[in-house]
Amino acid sequence: RIMSATRNAFADALAGTLGSLLSVWAFYPLDLRKTLVQAGRQQQKQQSYEVLFSGLATKSLHCVCSSFVFFWMESILMQFVMRHRKTKPPIFVKLLVNALAAMMNTCVTLPLDVLASK
């Protein structure tokens, strides 16, 4: 039973991570452009692909770690809640579980967040 729960948590974390990573790859150039505009830095009219995707590896690593930790913890915590309840948990319990997973995620991935923003 523990192995099954671990497998389910891993599958949830992997699926969430892949979805997040695809999103980062699809919108990274737009996100980079937005960040440069917010920082007040001007860009040349023509951008090479190398410039548009500079920092993508770091952003991808941060995304993978952050998403995996969040979805793994969310799944583990939700399984814990379900073990102690006979019925489907109410919305506020799901919100609490997600908030706890987000807090744990922040504690674990904050150093990568600092690196990704440099």
PDB file of N, CA and C in Angstrom:
ATOM      1  N   ARG A   1       0.820  -1.195   0.000  1.00  0.00           N
ATOM      2  CA  ARG A   1       0.000   0.000   0.000  1.00  0.00           C
ATOM      3  C   ARG A   1       0.862   1.256   0.000  1.00  0.00           C
ATOM      4  N   ILE A   2       1.952   1.254   0.744  1.00  0.00           N
ATOM      5  CA  ILE A   2       2.852   2.406   0.766  1.00  0.00           C
ATOM      6  C   ILE A   2       3.514   2.575  -0.590  1.00  0.00           C
ATOM      7  N   MET A   3       3.896   1.484  -1.217  1.00  0.00           N
ATOM      8  CA  MET A   3       4.521   1.549  -2.535  1.00  0.00           C
ATOM      9  C   MET A   3       3.552   2.125  -3.557  1.00  0.00           C
ATOM     10  N   SER A   4       2.285   1.760  -3.459  1.00  0.00           N
ATOM     11  CA  SER A   4       1.273   2.280  -4.365  1.00  0.00           C
ATOM     12  C   SER A   4       1.078   3.778  -4.161  1.00  0.00           C
ATOM     13  N   ALA A   5       1.053   4.214  -2.915  1.00  0.00           N
ATOM     14  CA  ALA A   5       0.907   5.642  -2.614  1.00  0.00           C
ATOM     15  C   ALA A   5       2.103   6.421  -3.130  1.00  0.00           C
ATOM     16  N   THR A   6       3.296   5.862  -2.966  1.00  0.00           N
ATOM     17  CA  THR A   6       4.501   6.512  -3.465  1.00  0.00           C
ATOM     18  C   THR A   6       4.471   6.594  -4.982  1.00  0.00           C
ATOM     19  N   ARG A   7       4.036   5.518  -5.617  1.00  0.00           N
ATOM     20  CA  ARG A   7       3.932   5.517  -7.077  1.00  0.00           C
ATOM     21  C   ARG A   7       2.918   6.551  -7.564  1.00  0.00           C
ATOM     22  N   ASN A   8       1.781   6.649  -6.882  1.00  0.00           N
ATOM     23  CA  ASN A   8       0.771   7.646  -7.245  1.00  0.00           C
ATOM     24  C   ASN A   8       1.308   9.064  -7.062  1.00  0.00           C
ATOM     25  N   ALA A   9       2.013   9.307  -5.966  1.00  0.00           N
ATOM     26  CA  ALA A   9       2.589  10.637  -5.729  1.00  0.00           C
ATOM     27  C   ALA A   9       3.627  10.960  -6.800  1.00  0.00           C
ATOM     28  N   PHE A  10       4.435   9.977  -7.150  1.00  0.00           N
ATOM     29  CA  PHE A  10       5.446  10.178  -8.190  1.00  0.00           C
ATOM     30  C   PHE A  10       4.784  10.474  -9.535  1.00  0.00           C
ATOM     31  N   ALA A  11       3.726   9.733  -9.864  1.00  0.00           N
ATOM     32  CA  ALA A  11       3.016   9.961 -11.125  1.00  0.00           C
ATOM     33  C   ALA A  11       2.377  11.351 -11.152  1.00  0.00           C
ATOM     34  N   ASP A  12       1.776  11.767 -10.043  1.00  0.00           N
ATOM     35  CA  ASP A  12       1.194  13.109  -9.962  1.00  0.00           C
ATOM     36  C   ASP A  12       2.273  14.173 -10.135  1.00  0.00           C
ATOM     37  N   ALA A  13       3.393  13.982  -9.448  1.00  0.00           N
ATOM     38  CA  ALA A  13       4.485  14.950  -9.523  1.00  0.00           C
ATOM     39  C   ALA A  13       5.072  15.012 -10.929  1.00  0.00           C
ATOM     40  N   LEU A  14       5.235  13.870 -11.558  1.00  0.00           N
ATOM     41  CA  LEU A  14       5.790  13.832 -12.913  1.00  0.00           C
ATOM     42  C   LEU A  14       4.858  14.500 -13.912  1.00  0.00           C
ATOM     43  N   ALA A  15       3.571  14.220 -13.822  1.00  0.00           N
ATOM     44  CA  ALA A  15       2.605  14.831 -14.741  1.00  0.00           C
ATOM     45  C   ALA A  15       2.549  16.346 -14.560  1.00  0.00           C
ATOM     46  N   GLY A  16       2.514  16.805 -13.322  1.00  0.00           N
ATOM     47  CA  GLY A  16       2.498  18.238 -13.061  1.00  0.00           C
ATOM     48  C   GLY A  16       3.775  18.917 -13.529  1.00  0.00           C
ATOM     49  N   THR A  17       4.901  18.250 -13.325  1.00  0.00           N
ATOM     50  CA  THR A  17       6.190  18.795 -13.748  1.00  0.00           C
ATOM     51  C   THR A  17       6.275  18.917 -15.257  1.00  0.00           C
ATOM     52  N   LEU A  18       5.849  17.888 -15.968  1.00  0.00           N
ATOM     53  CA  LEU A  18       5.902  17.941 -17.431  1.00  0.00           C
ATOM     54  C   LEU A  18       5.005  19.046 -17.985  1.00  0.00           C
ATOM     55  N   GLY A  19       3.822  19.198 -17.419  1.00  0.00           N
ATOM     56  CA  GLY A  19       2.934  20.275 -17.852  1.00  0.00           C
ATOM     57  C   GLY A  19       3.543  21.642 -17.591  1.00  0.00           C
ATOM     58  N   SER A  20       4.140  21.818 -16.434  1.00  0.00           N
ATOM     59  CA  SER A  20       4.780  23.095 -16.103  1.00  0.00           C
ATOM     60  C   SER A  20       5.974  23.373 -17.009  1.00  0.00           C
ATOM     61  N   LEU A  21       6.750  22.352 -17.278  1.00  0.00           N
ATOM     62  CA  LEU A  21       7.928  22.517 -18.135  1.00  0.00           C
ATOM     63  C   LEU A  21       7.531  22.885 -19.562  1.00  0.00           C
ATOM     64  N   LEU A  22       6.509  22.250 -20.081  1.00  0.00           N
ATOM     65  CA  LEU A  22       6.029  22.608 -21.423  1.00  0.00           C
ATOM     66  C   LEU A  22       5.546  24.053 -21.468  1.00  0.00           C
ATOM     67  N   SER A  23       4.909  24.487 -20.413  1.00  0.00           N
ATOM     68  CA  SER A  23       4.450  25.868 -20.335  1.00  0.00           C
ATOM     69  C   SER A  23       5.631  26.842 -20.326  1.00  0.00           C
ATOM     70  N   VAL A  24       6.659  26.527 -19.552  1.00  0.00           N
ATOM     71  CA  VAL A  24       7.851  27.383 -19.510  1.00  0.00           C
ATOM     72  C   VAL A  24       8.486  27.466 -20.883  1.00  0.00           C
ATOM     73  N   TRP A  25       8.657  26.332 -21.543  1.00  0.00           N
ATOM     74  CA  TRP A  25       9.287  26.331 -22.868  1.00  0.00           C
ATOM     75  C   TRP A  25       8.467  27.115 -23.891  1.00  0.00           C
ATOM     76  N   ALA A  26       7.157  27.017 -23.804  1.00  0.00           N
ATOM     77  CA  ALA A  26       6.304  27.691 -24.779  1.00  0.00           C
ATOM     78  C   ALA A  26       6.310  29.205 -24.598  1.00  0.00           C
ATOM     79  N   PHE A  27       6.389  29.669 -23.357  1.00  0.00           N
ATOM     80  CA  PHE A  27       6.238  31.099 -23.105  1.00  0.00           C
ATOM     81  C   PHE A  27       7.498  31.794 -22.609  1.00  0.00           C
ATOM     82  N   TYR A  28       8.631  31.106 -22.619  1.00  0.00           N
ATOM     83  CA  TYR A  28       9.851  31.715 -22.088  1.00  0.00           C
ATOM     84  C   TYR A  28      10.255  33.000 -22.812  1.00  0.00           C
ATOM     85  N   PRO A  29      10.280  33.029 -24.136  1.00  0.00           N
ATOM     86  CA  PRO A  29      10.673  34.289 -24.800  1.00  0.00           C
ATOM     87  C   PRO A  29       9.769  35.462 -24.419  1.00  0.00           C
ATOM     88  N   LEU A  30       8.485  35.218 -24.312  1.00  0.00           N
ATOM     89  CA  LEU A  30       7.545  36.267 -23.918  1.00  0.00           C
ATOM     90  C   LEU A  30       7.794  36.691 -22.468  1.00  0.00           C
ATOM     91  N   ASP A  31       8.056  35.747 -21.587  1.00  0.00           N
ATOM     92  CA  ASP A  31       8.336  36.043 -20.189  1.00  0.00           C
ATOM     93  C   ASP A  31       9.631  36.843 -20.064  1.00  0.00           C
ATOM     94  N   LEU A  32      10.643  36.473 -20.838  1.00  0.00           N
ATOM     95  CA  LEU A  32      11.913  37.194 -20.825  1.00  0.00           C
ATOM     96  C   LEU A  32      11.715  38.631 -21.304  1.00  0.00           C
ATOM     97  N   ARG A  33      10.977  38.789 -22.369  1.00  0.00           N
ATOM     98  CA  ARG A  33      10.690  40.127 -22.914  1.00  0.00           C
ATOM     99  C   ARG A  33       9.951  40.977 -21.869  1.00  0.00           C
ATOM    100  N   LYS A  34       8.964  40.405 -21.208  1.00  0.00           N
ATOM    101  CA  LYS A  34       8.203  41.108 -20.165  1.00  0.00           C
ATOM    102  C   LYS A  34       9.126  41.546 -19.033  1.00  0.00           C
ATOM    103  N   THR A  35      10.020  40.668 -18.617  1.00  0.00           N
ATOM    104  CA  THR A  35      10.948  40.995 -17.541  1.00  0.00           C
ATOM    105  C   THR A  35      11.880  42.128 -17.933  1.00  0.00           C
ATOM    106  N   LEU A  36      12.377  42.092 -19.163  1.00  0.00           N
ATOM    107  CA  LEU A  36      13.264  43.161 -19.625  1.00  0.00           C
ATOM    108  C   LEU A  36      12.529  44.496 -19.713  1.00  0.00           C
ATOM    109  N   VAL A  37      11.296  44.486 -20.156  1.00  0.00           N
ATOM    110  CA  VAL A  37      10.507  45.718 -20.230  1.00  0.00           C
ATOM    111  C   VAL A  37      10.257  46.256 -18.821  1.00  0.00           C
ATOM    112  N   GLN A  38       9.919  45.376 -17.883  1.00  0.00           N
ATOM    113  CA  GLN A  38       9.675  45.807 -16.508  1.00  0.00           C
ATOM    114  C   GLN A  38      10.936  46.372 -15.857  1.00  0.00           C
ATOM    115  N   ALA A  39      12.088  45.829 -16.249  1.00  0.00           N
ATOM    116  CA  ALA A  39      13.353  46.303 -15.693  1.00  0.00           C
ATOM    117  C   ALA A  39      13.824  47.585 -16.373  1.00  0.00           C
ATOM    118  N   GLY A  40      13.131  47.992 -17.430  1.00  0.00           N
ATOM    119  CA  GLY A  40      13.490  49.217 -18.134  1.00  0.00           C
ATOM    120  C   GLY A  40      14.644  49.062 -19.090  1.00  0.00           C
ATOM    121  N   ARG A  41      14.967  47.840 -19.449  1.00  0.00           N
ATOM    122  CA  ARG A  41      16.065  47.606 -20.399  1.00  0.00           C
ATOM    123  C   ARG A  41      15.507  47.549 -21.803  1.00  0.00           C
ATOM    124  N   GLN A  42      16.145  48.263 -22.692  1.00  0.00           N
ATOM    125  CA  GLN A  42      15.733  48.275 -24.095  1.00  0.00           C
ATOM    126  C   GLN A  42      16.393  47.116 -24.827  1.00  0.00           C
ATOM    127  N   GLN A  43      15.660  46.557 -25.764  1.00  0.00           N
ATOM    128  CA  GLN A  43      16.200  45.494 -26.595  1.00  0.00           C
ATOM    129  C   GLN A  43      16.260  45.979 -28.029  1.00  0.00           C
ATOM    130  N   GLN A  44      17.150  45.372 -28.779  1.00  0.00           N
ATOM    131  CA  GLN A  44      17.207  45.682 -30.196  1.00  0.00           C
ATOM    132  C   GLN A  44      15.965  45.126 -30.865  1.00  0.00           C
ATOM    133  N   LYS A  45      15.639  45.681 -32.028  1.00  0.00           N
ATOM    134  CA  LYS A  45      14.440  45.217 -32.741  1.00  0.00           C
ATOM    135  C   LYS A  45      14.557  43.746 -33.121  1.00  0.00           C
ATOM    136  N   GLN A  46      15.720  43.372 -33.630  1.00  0.00           N
ATOM    137  CA  GLN A  46      15.889  41.972 -34.025  1.00  0.00           C
ATOM    138  C   GLN A  46      16.651  41.238 -32.931  1.00  0.00           C
ATOM    139  N   GLN A  47      16.105  40.155 -32.508  1.00  0.00           N
ATOM    140  CA  GLN A  47      16.735  39.346 -31.480  1.00  0.00           C
ATOM    141  C   GLN A  47      17.113  37.993 -32.072  1.00  0.00           C
ATOM    142  N   SER A  48      18.304  37.549 -31.743  1.00  0.00           N
ATOM    143  CA  SER A  48      18.688  36.211 -32.183  1.00  0.00           C
ATOM    144  C   SER A  48      18.005  35.193 -31.268  1.00  0.00           C
ATOM    145  N   TYR A  49      17.901  33.984 -31.755  1.00  0.00           N
ATOM    146  CA  TYR A  49      17.299  32.929 -30.935  1.00  0.00           C
ATOM    147  C   TYR A  49      18.111  32.689 -29.672  1.00  0.00           C
ATOM    148  N   GLU A  50      19.412  32.878 -29.783  1.00  0.00           N
ATOM    149  CA  GLU A  50      20.276  32.673 -28.619  1.00  0.00           C
ATOM    150  C   GLU A  50      19.909  33.639 -27.488  1.00  0.00           C
ATOM    151  N   VAL A  51      19.648  34.897 -27.834  1.00  0.00           N
ATOM    152  CA  VAL A  51      19.277  35.890 -26.822  1.00  0.00           C
ATOM    153  C   VAL A  51      17.882  35.600 -26.272  1.00  0.00           C
ATOM    154  N   LEU A  52      16.954  35.227 -27.156  1.00  0.00           N
ATOM    155  CA  LEU A  52      15.587  34.956 -26.716  1.00  0.00           C
ATOM    156  C   LEU A  52      15.498  33.796 -25.735  1.00  0.00           C
ATOM    157  N   PHE A  53      16.442  32.871 -25.834  1.00  0.00           N
ATOM    158  CA  PHE A  53      16.395  31.685 -24.976  1.00  0.00           C
ATOM    159  C   PHE A  53      17.528  31.643 -23.952  1.00  0.00           C
ATOM    160  N   SER A  54      18.212  32.777 -23.754  1.00  0.00           N
ATOM    161  CA  SER A  54      19.272  32.799 -22.745  1.00  0.00           C
ATOM    162  C   SER A  54      18.633  32.650 -21.367  1.00  0.00           C
ATOM    163  N   GLY A  55      19.170  31.783 -20.562  1.00  0.00           N
ATOM    164  CA  GLY A  55      18.626  31.534 -19.234  1.00  0.00           C
ATOM    165  C   GLY A  55      17.553  30.466 -19.192  1.00  0.00           C
ATOM    166  N   LEU A  56      17.221  29.883 -20.340  1.00  0.00           N
ATOM    167  CA  LEU A  56      16.161  28.873 -20.369  1.00  0.00           C
ATOM    168  C   LEU A  56      16.532  27.623 -19.574  1.00  0.00           C
ATOM    169  N   ALA A  57      17.798  27.251 -19.603  1.00  0.00           N
ATOM    170  CA  ALA A  57      18.217  26.047 -18.865  1.00  0.00           C
ATOM    171  C   ALA A  57      18.013  26.233 -17.362  1.00  0.00           C
ATOM    172  N   THR A  58      18.408  27.396 -16.851  1.00  0.00           N
ATOM    173  CA  THR A  58      18.228  27.671 -15.415  1.00  0.00           C
ATOM    174  C   THR A  58      16.754  27.737 -15.057  1.00  0.00           C
ATOM    175  N   LYS A  59      15.971  28.418 -15.895  1.00  0.00           N
ATOM    176  CA  LYS A  59      14.527  28.528 -15.656  1.00  0.00           C
ATOM    177  C   LYS A  59      13.873  27.140 -15.703  1.00  0.00           C
ATOM    178  N   SER A  60      14.321  26.290 -16.628  1.00  0.00           N
ATOM    179  CA  SER A  60      13.773  24.934 -16.738  1.00  0.00           C
ATOM    180  C   SER A  60      14.105  24.108 -15.501  1.00  0.00           C
ATOM    181  N   LEU A  61      15.343  24.222 -15.031  1.00  0.00           N
ATOM    182  CA  LEU A  61      15.747  23.485 -13.829  1.00  0.00           C
ATOM    183  C   LEU A  61      14.920  23.935 -12.629  1.00  0.00           C
ATOM    184  N   HIS A  62      14.741  25.229 -12.500  1.00  0.00           N
ATOM    185  CA  HIS A  62      13.916  25.752 -11.404  1.00  0.00           C
ATOM    186  C   HIS A  62      12.487  25.243 -11.512  1.00  0.00           C
ATOM    187  N   CYS A  63      11.941  25.269 -12.726  1.00  0.00           N
ATOM    188  CA  CYS A  63      10.567  24.817 -12.955  1.00  0.00           C
ATOM    189  C   CYS A  63      10.398  23.337 -12.599  1.00  0.00           C
ATOM    190  N   VAL A  64      11.334  22.517 -13.039  1.00  0.00           N
ATOM    191  CA  VAL A  64      11.256  21.078 -12.772  1.00  0.00           C
ATOM    192  C   VAL A  64      11.309  20.816 -11.267  1.00  0.00           C
ATOM    193  N   CYS A  65      12.277  21.428 -10.599  1.00  0.00           N
ATOM    194  CA  CYS A  65      12.405  21.204  -9.150  1.00  0.00           C
ATOM    195  C   CYS A  65      11.188  21.725  -8.397  1.00  0.00           C
ATOM    196  N   SER A  66      10.785  22.932  -8.716  1.00  0.00           N
ATOM    197  CA  SER A  66       9.667  23.551  -8.018  1.00  0.00           C
ATOM    198  C   SER A  66       8.362  22.774  -8.241  1.00  0.00           C
ATOM    199  N   SER A  67       8.083  22.459  -9.482  1.00  0.00           N
ATOM    200  CA  SER A  67       6.845  21.747  -9.792  1.00  0.00           C
ATOM    201  C   SER A  67       6.834  20.351  -9.176  1.00  0.00           C
ATOM    202  N   PHE A  68       7.973  19.643  -9.281  1.00  0.00           N
ATOM    203  CA  PHE A  68       8.021  18.291  -8.748  1.00  0.00           C
ATOM    204  C   PHE A  68       7.789  18.299  -7.242  1.00  0.00           C
ATOM    205  N   VAL A  69       8.479  19.200  -6.539  1.00  0.00           N
ATOM    206  CA  VAL A  69       8.319  19.262  -5.078  1.00  0.00           C
ATOM    207  C   VAL A  69       6.876  19.598  -4.717  1.00  0.00           C
ATOM    208  N   PHE A  70       6.298  20.604  -5.400  1.00  0.00           N
ATOM    209  CA  PHE A  70       4.928  20.994  -5.080  1.00  0.00           C
ATOM    210  C   PHE A  70       3.953  19.848  -5.303  1.00  0.00           C
ATOM    211  N   PHE A  71       3.971  19.244  -6.496  1.00  0.00           N
ATOM    212  CA  PHE A  71       2.999  18.200  -6.792  1.00  0.00           C
ATOM    213  C   PHE A  71       3.239  16.938  -5.966  1.00  0.00           C
ATOM    214  N   TRP A  72       4.487  16.625  -5.666  1.00  0.00           N
ATOM    215  CA  TRP A  72       4.802  15.475  -4.814  1.00  0.00           C
ATOM    216  C   TRP A  72       4.216  15.707  -3.417  1.00  0.00           C
ATOM    217  N   MET A  73       4.510  16.876  -2.840  1.00  0.00           N
ATOM    218  CA  MET A  73       4.026  17.167  -1.488  1.00  0.00           C
ATOM    219  C   MET A  73       2.497  17.257  -1.456  1.00  0.00           C
ATOM    220  N   GLU A  74       1.897  17.853  -2.469  1.00  0.00           N
ATOM    221  CA  GLU A  74       0.441  17.957  -2.525  1.00  0.00           C
ATOM    222  C   GLU A  74      -0.188  16.569  -2.554  1.00  0.00           C
ATOM    223  N   SER A  75       0.377  15.682  -3.332  1.00  0.00           N
ATOM    224  CA  SER A  75      -0.152  14.327  -3.429  1.00  0.00           C
ATOM    225  C   SER A  75       0.021  13.558  -2.113  1.00  0.00           C
ATOM    226  N   ILE A  76       1.190  13.655  -1.504  1.00  0.00           N
ATOM    227  CA  ILE A  76       1.451  12.976  -0.232  1.00  0.00           C
ATOM    228  C   ILE A  76       0.506  13.493   0.851  1.00  0.00           C
ATOM    229  N   LEU A  77       0.379  14.835   0.933  1.00  0.00           N
ATOM    230  CA  LEU A  77      -0.497  15.414   1.949  1.00  0.00           C
ATOM    231  C   LEU A  77      -1.962  15.040   1.720  1.00  0.00           C
ATOM    232  N   MET A  78      -2.391  15.035   0.467  1.00  0.00           N
ATOM    233  CA  MET A  78      -3.779  14.681   0.167  1.00  0.00           C
ATOM    234  C   MET A  78      -4.040  13.207   0.489  1.00  0.00           C
ATOM    235  N   GLN A  79      -3.076  12.334   0.235  1.00  0.00           N
ATOM    236  CA  GLN A  79      -3.239  10.925   0.597  1.00  0.00           C
ATOM    237  C   GLN A  79      -3.344  10.773   2.109  1.00  0.00           C
ATOM    238  N   PHE A  80      -2.572  11.571   2.850  1.00  0.00           N
ATOM    239  CA  PHE A  80      -2.647  11.544   4.308  1.00  0.00           C
ATOM    240  C   PHE A  80      -4.043  11.961   4.775  1.00  0.00           C
ATOM    241  N   VAL A  81      -4.571  13.032   4.176  1.00  0.00           N
ATOM    242  CA  VAL A  81      -5.913  13.502   4.534  1.00  0.00           C
ATOM    243  C   VAL A  81      -6.949  12.433   4.209  1.00  0.00           C
ATOM    244  N   MET A  82      -6.843  11.816   3.056  1.00  0.00           N
ATOM    245  CA  MET A  82      -7.829  10.817   2.628  1.00  0.00           C
ATOM    246  C   MET A  82      -7.798   9.573   3.507  1.00  0.00           C
ATOM    247  N   ARG A  83      -6.644   9.247   4.069  1.00  0.00           N
ATOM    248  CA  ARG A  83      -6.557   8.096   4.962  1.00  0.00           C
ATOM    249  C   ARG A  83      -7.356   8.319   6.241  1.00  0.00           C
ATOM    250  N   HIS A  84      -7.514   9.576   6.638  1.00  0.00           N
ATOM    251  CA  HIS A  84      -8.196   9.899   7.896  1.00  0.00           C
ATOM    252  C   HIS A  84      -9.627  10.408   7.694  1.00  0.00           C
ATOM    253  N   ARG A  85     -10.109  10.337   6.478  1.00  0.00           N
ATOM    254  CA  ARG A  85     -11.485  10.791   6.200  1.00  0.00           C
ATOM    255  C   ARG A  85     -12.238   9.698   5.463  1.00  0.00           C
ATOM    256  N   LYS A  86     -13.504   9.626   5.716  1.00  0.00           N
ATOM    257  CA  LYS A  86     -14.342   8.638   5.024  1.00  0.00           C
ATOM    258  C   LYS A  86     -14.923   9.227   3.735  1.00  0.00           C
ATOM    259  N   THR A  87     -15.037  10.554   3.697  1.00  0.00           N
ATOM    260  CA  THR A  87     -15.645  11.212   2.537  1.00  0.00           C
ATOM    261  C   THR A  87     -14.626  12.132   1.861  1.00  0.00           C
ATOM    262  N   LYS A  88     -15.033  12.651   0.739  1.00  0.00           N
ATOM    263  CA  LYS A  88     -14.191  13.592   0.008  1.00  0.00           C
ATOM    264  C   LYS A  88     -13.951  14.833   0.866  1.00  0.00           C
ATOM    265  N   PRO A  89     -12.696  15.315   0.949  1.00  0.00           N
ATOM    266  CA  PRO A  89     -12.437  16.472   1.815  1.00  0.00           C
ATOM    267  C   PRO A  89     -13.076  17.750   1.261  1.00  0.00           C
ATOM    268  N   PRO A  90     -13.505  18.636   2.156  1.00  0.00           N
ATOM    269  CA  PRO A  90     -14.100  19.891   1.699  1.00  0.00           C
ATOM    270  C   PRO A  90     -13.046  20.802   1.053  1.00  0.00           C
ATOM    271  N   ILE A  91     -13.520  21.822   0.380  1.00  0.00           N
ATOM    272  CA  ILE A  91     -12.643  22.731  -0.353  1.00  0.00           C
ATOM    273  C   ILE A  91     -11.586  23.370   0.547  1.00  0.00           C
ATOM    274  N   PHE A  92     -11.977  23.803   1.747  1.00  0.00           N
ATOM    275  CA  PHE A  92     -10.997  24.471   2.610  1.00  0.00           C
ATOM    276  C   PHE A  92      -9.852  23.535   2.998  1.00  0.00           C
ATOM    277  N   VAL A  93     -10.116  22.238   3.096  1.00  0.00           N
ATOM    278  CA  VAL A  93      -9.048  21.275   3.391  1.00  0.00           C
ATOM    279  C   VAL A  93      -8.116  21.166   2.186  1.00  0.00           C
ATOM    280  N   LYS A  94      -8.676  21.127   0.981  1.00  0.00           N
ATOM    281  CA  LYS A  94      -7.841  21.090  -0.230  1.00  0.00           C
ATOM    282  C   LYS A  94      -6.990  22.351  -0.342  1.00  0.00           C
ATOM    283  N   LEU A  95      -7.592  23.502  -0.017  1.00  0.00           N
ATOM    284  CA  LEU A  95      -6.839  24.755  -0.041  1.00  0.00           C
ATOM    285  C   LEU A  95      -5.707  24.733   0.986  1.00  0.00           C
ATOM    286  N   LEU A  96      -5.976  24.203   2.157  1.00  0.00           N
ATOM    287  CA  LEU A  96      -4.947  24.097   3.186  1.00  0.00           C
ATOM    288  C   LEU A  96      -3.822  23.164   2.750  1.00  0.00           C
ATOM    289  N   VAL A  97      -4.179  22.035   2.159  1.00  0.00           N
ATOM    290  CA  VAL A  97      -3.173  21.090   1.659  1.00  0.00           C
ATOM    291  C   VAL A  97      -2.301  21.762   0.608  1.00  0.00           C
ATOM    292  N   ASN A  98      -2.922  22.487  -0.325  1.00  0.00           N
ATOM    293  CA  ASN A  98      -2.147  23.169  -1.369  1.00  0.00           C
ATOM    294  C   ASN A  98      -1.276  24.274  -0.784  1.00  0.00           C
ATOM    295  N   ALA A  99      -1.769  24.980   0.215  1.00  0.00           N
ATOM    296  CA  ALA A  99      -0.966  26.021   0.859  1.00  0.00           C
ATOM    297  C   ALA A  99       0.246  25.418   1.570  1.00  0.00           C
ATOM    298  N   LEU A 100       0.041  24.308   2.257  1.00  0.00           N
ATOM    299  CA  LEU A 100       1.167  23.625   2.916  1.00  0.00           C
ATOM    300  C   LEU A 100       2.183  23.122   1.889  1.00  0.00           C
ATOM    301  N   ALA A 101       1.700  22.552   0.793  1.00  0.00           N
ATOM    302  CA  ALA A 101       2.598  22.077  -0.257  1.00  0.00           C
ATOM    303  C   ALA A 101       3.385  23.242  -0.859  1.00  0.00           C
ATOM    304  N   ALA A 102       2.725  24.384  -1.044  1.00  0.00           N
ATOM    305  CA  ALA A 102       3.399  25.563  -1.587  1.00  0.00           C
ATOM    306  C   ALA A 102       4.463  26.085  -0.622  1.00  0.00           C
ATOM    307  N   MET A 103       4.170  26.064   0.688  1.00  0.00           N
ATOM    308  CA  MET A 103       5.151  26.512   1.685  1.00  0.00           C
ATOM    309  C   MET A 103       6.372  25.597   1.694  1.00  0.00           C
ATOM    310  N   MET A 104       6.136  24.301   1.648  1.00  0.00           N
ATOM    311  CA  MET A 104       7.245  23.347   1.609  1.00  0.00           C
ATOM    312  C   MET A 104       8.058  23.529   0.333  1.00  0.00           C
ATOM    313  N   ASN A 105       7.363  23.750  -0.769  1.00  0.00           N
ATOM    314  CA  ASN A 105       8.025  23.971  -2.051  1.00  0.00           C
ATOM    315  C   ASN A 105       8.931  25.198  -1.973  1.00  0.00           C
ATOM    316  N   THR A 106       8.438  26.277  -1.374  1.00  0.00           N
ATOM    317  CA  THR A 106       9.232  27.500  -1.259  1.00  0.00           C
ATOM    318  C   THR A 106      10.482  27.263  -0.430  1.00  0.00           C
ATOM    319  N   CYS A 107      10.343  26.556   0.676  1.00  0.00           N
ATOM    320  CA  CYS A 107      11.497  26.265   1.530  1.00  0.00           C
ATOM    321  C   CYS A 107      12.570  25.469   0.792  1.00  0.00           C
ATOM    322  N   VAL A 108      12.153  24.534  -0.030  1.00  0.00           N
ATOM    323  CA  VAL A 108      13.094  23.659  -0.721  1.00  0.00           C
ATOM    324  C   VAL A 108      13.713  24.342  -1.947  1.00  0.00           C
ATOM    325  N   THR A 109      12.931  25.116  -2.674  1.00  0.00           N
ATOM    326  CA  THR A 109      13.403  25.615  -3.981  1.00  0.00           C
ATOM    327  C   THR A 109      13.786  27.094  -3.991  1.00  0.00           C
ATOM    328  N   LEU A 110      13.776  27.776  -2.863  1.00  0.00           N
ATOM    329  CA  LEU A 110      14.125  29.190  -2.834  1.00  0.00           C
ATOM    330  C   LEU A 110      15.527  29.484  -3.384  1.00  0.00           C
ATOM    331  N   PRO A 111      16.539  28.684  -3.072  1.00  0.00           N
ATOM    332  CA  PRO A 111      17.859  28.965  -3.663  1.00  0.00           C
ATOM    333  C   PRO A 111      17.849  28.917  -5.201  1.00  0.00           C
ATOM    334  N   LEU A 112      17.099  27.990  -5.779  1.00  0.00           N
ATOM    335  CA  LEU A 112      17.004  27.943  -7.244  1.00  0.00           C
ATOM    336  C   LEU A 112      16.252  29.148  -7.795  1.00  0.00           C
ATOM    337  N   ASP A 113      15.280  29.626  -7.046  1.00  0.00           N
ATOM    338  CA  ASP A 113      14.535  30.805  -7.467  1.00  0.00           C
ATOM    339  C   ASP A 113      15.461  32.013  -7.556  1.00  0.00           C
ATOM    340  N   VAL A 114      16.361  32.139  -6.598  1.00  0.00           N
ATOM    341  CA  VAL A 114      17.329  33.236  -6.606  1.00  0.00           C
ATOM    342  C   VAL A 114      18.241  33.108  -7.829  1.00  0.00           C
ATOM    343  N   LEU A 115      18.718  31.911  -8.112  1.00  0.00           N
ATOM    344  CA  LEU A 115      19.584  31.704  -9.281  1.00  0.00           C
ATOM    345  C   LEU A 115      18.845  31.987 -10.581  1.00  0.00           C
ATOM    346  N   ALA A 116      17.598  31.580 -10.672  1.00  0.00           N
ATOM    347  CA  ALA A 116      16.834  31.757 -11.914  1.00  0.00           C
ATOM    348  C   ALA A 116      16.535  33.220 -12.181  1.00  0.00           C
ATOM    349  N   SER A 117      16.484  34.030 -11.130  1.00  0.00           N
ATOM    350  CA  SER A 117      16.150  35.437 -11.331  1.00  0.00           C
ATOM    351  C   SER A 117      17.366  36.303 -11.627  1.00  0.00           C
ATOM    352  N   LYS A 118      18.559  35.738 -11.540  1.00  0.00           N
ATOM    353  CA  LYS A 118      19.779  36.524 -11.825  1.00  0.00           C
ATOM    354  C   LYS A 118      20.053  36.588 -13.299  1.00  0.00           C
TER     355      LYS A 118
END
